[in-house]
C-alpha cells in the first residue's frame, strides 16, 4: 500500500469515527456515515493527483472545522460553568 493510499484510508477512517462521535450526540449515525461513505465512493476511481489532493484537503478541512467548532463549544461551556460558580 502506497503512502498516498494509506493517508486516504486513514482519512476515511477518521471521517467515519467523527461521524460516529457526532451521531452519539445528535442521533443521525446512519445518515452521517452514509454521507462519508458515498463521498469517498464517488471519488474512488479518481486518478488526477490534483483532484485527489483537493478532495483530501476538503475532508481534512471538514475534520478541522468540526474540531474548531467543538473546541469553541467546550470553551463556552466552561466559561458558563465558571460564571455559575461565582453567581451561585
Protein backbone atom coordinates (compact mmCIF):
# COMPACT_ATOMS: atom_id res chain seq x y z
CA UNK A 1 0.00 0.00 0.00
CA UNK A 2 1.46 3.35 -1.02
CA UNK A 3 1.76 6.29 1.36
CA UNK A 4 -0.97 8.11 -0.56
CA UNK A 5 -3.36 5.15 -0.27
CA UNK A 6 -2.54 4.88 3.42
CA UNK A 7 -3.36 8.52 4.09
CA UNK A 8 -6.65 8.23 2.18
CA UNK A 9 -7.56 5.14 4.18
CA UNK A 10 -6.65 6.86 7.45
CA UNK A 11 -8.65 9.93 6.43
CA UNK A 12 -11.63 7.72 5.55
CA UNK A 13 -11.48 6.00 8.93
CA UNK A 14 -11.10 9.33 10.74
CA UNK A 15 -14.15 10.70 8.94
CA UNK A 16 -16.18 7.61 9.89
CA UNK A 17 -15.04 7.92 13.52
CA UNK A 18 -16.04 11.56 13.55
CA UNK A 19 -19.44 10.68 12.09
CA UNK A 20 -19.88 8.10 14.87
CA UNK A 21 -18.83 10.63 17.52
CA UNK A 22 -21.11 13.36 16.22
CA UNK A 23 -24.03 10.98 15.94
CA UNK A 24 -23.74 9.86 19.57
CA UNK A 25 -24.67 13.43 20.43
CA UNK A 26 -27.18 14.05 17.64
CA UNK A 27 -28.55 10.63 16.75
CA UNK A 28 -28.00 10.66 12.97
CA UNK A 29 -25.32 7.96 12.82
CA UNK A 30 -26.55 6.13 9.71
CA UNK A 31 -27.08 9.33 7.73
CA UNK A 32 -23.67 10.76 8.61
CA UNK A 33 -21.84 7.51 7.91
CA UNK A 34 -23.66 7.13 4.59
CA UNK A 35 -22.60 10.65 3.56
CA UNK A 36 -18.95 9.87 4.31
CA UNK A 37 -19.08 6.50 2.54
CA UNK A 38 -20.84 7.95 -0.51
CA UNK A 39 -18.37 10.84 -0.80
CA UNK A 40 -15.38 8.51 -0.75
CA UNK A 41 -17.00 6.03 -3.16
CA UNK A 42 -17.87 8.80 -5.63
CA UNK A 43 -14.20 9.66 -5.83
CA UNK A 44 -12.62 6.19 -5.54
CA UNK A 45 -11.75 5.95 -9.24
CA UNK A 46 -10.23 9.41 -9.47
CA UNK A 47 -6.75 9.31 -10.99
CA UNK A 48 -5.92 13.01 -11.28
CA UNK A 49 -3.45 13.72 -8.43
CA UNK A 50 -4.63 17.35 -8.19
CA UNK A 51 -8.28 16.33 -7.77
CA UNK A 52 -7.34 13.64 -5.26
CA UNK A 53 -5.37 16.15 -3.22
CA UNK A 54 -8.25 18.65 -3.41
CA UNK A 55 -10.69 16.04 -2.10
CA UNK A 56 -8.31 15.05 0.70
CA UNK A 57 -7.87 18.69 1.67
CA UNK A 58 -11.65 19.19 1.69
CA UNK A 59 -12.04 16.22 4.05
CA UNK A 60 -9.25 17.50 6.31
CA UNK A 61 -10.87 20.95 6.36
CA UNK A 62 -14.15 19.34 7.37
CA UNK A 63 -12.47 17.50 10.24
CA UNK A 64 -10.57 20.63 11.28
CA UNK A 65 -13.67 22.80 11.17
CA UNK A 66 -15.53 20.37 13.38
CA UNK A 67 -12.67 20.22 15.87
CA UNK A 68 -12.55 24.02 15.95
CA UNK A 69 -16.32 24.23 16.45
CA UNK A 70 -16.20 21.62 19.22
CA UNK A 71 -13.33 23.42 21.00
CA UNK A 72 -15.29 26.68 20.92
CA UNK A 73 -18.39 24.95 22.27
CA UNK A 74 -16.44 23.36 25.12
CA UNK A 75 -14.72 26.64 25.98
CA UNK A 76 -18.08 28.40 26.08
CA UNK A 77 -19.49 25.70 28.37
CA UNK A 78 -16.51 26.06 30.72
CA UNK A 79 -16.96 29.83 30.84
CA UNK A 80 -20.67 29.44 31.59
CA UNK A 81 -19.94 26.88 34.31
CA UNK A 82 -17.40 29.26 35.83
CA UNK A 83 -19.99 32.05 35.89
CA UNK A 84 -22.47 29.75 37.60
CA UNK A 85 -19.94 29.04 40.36
CA UNK A 86 -19.49 32.75 41.03
CA UNK A 87 -23.19 33.56 40.74
CA UNK A 88 -24.24 30.59 42.92
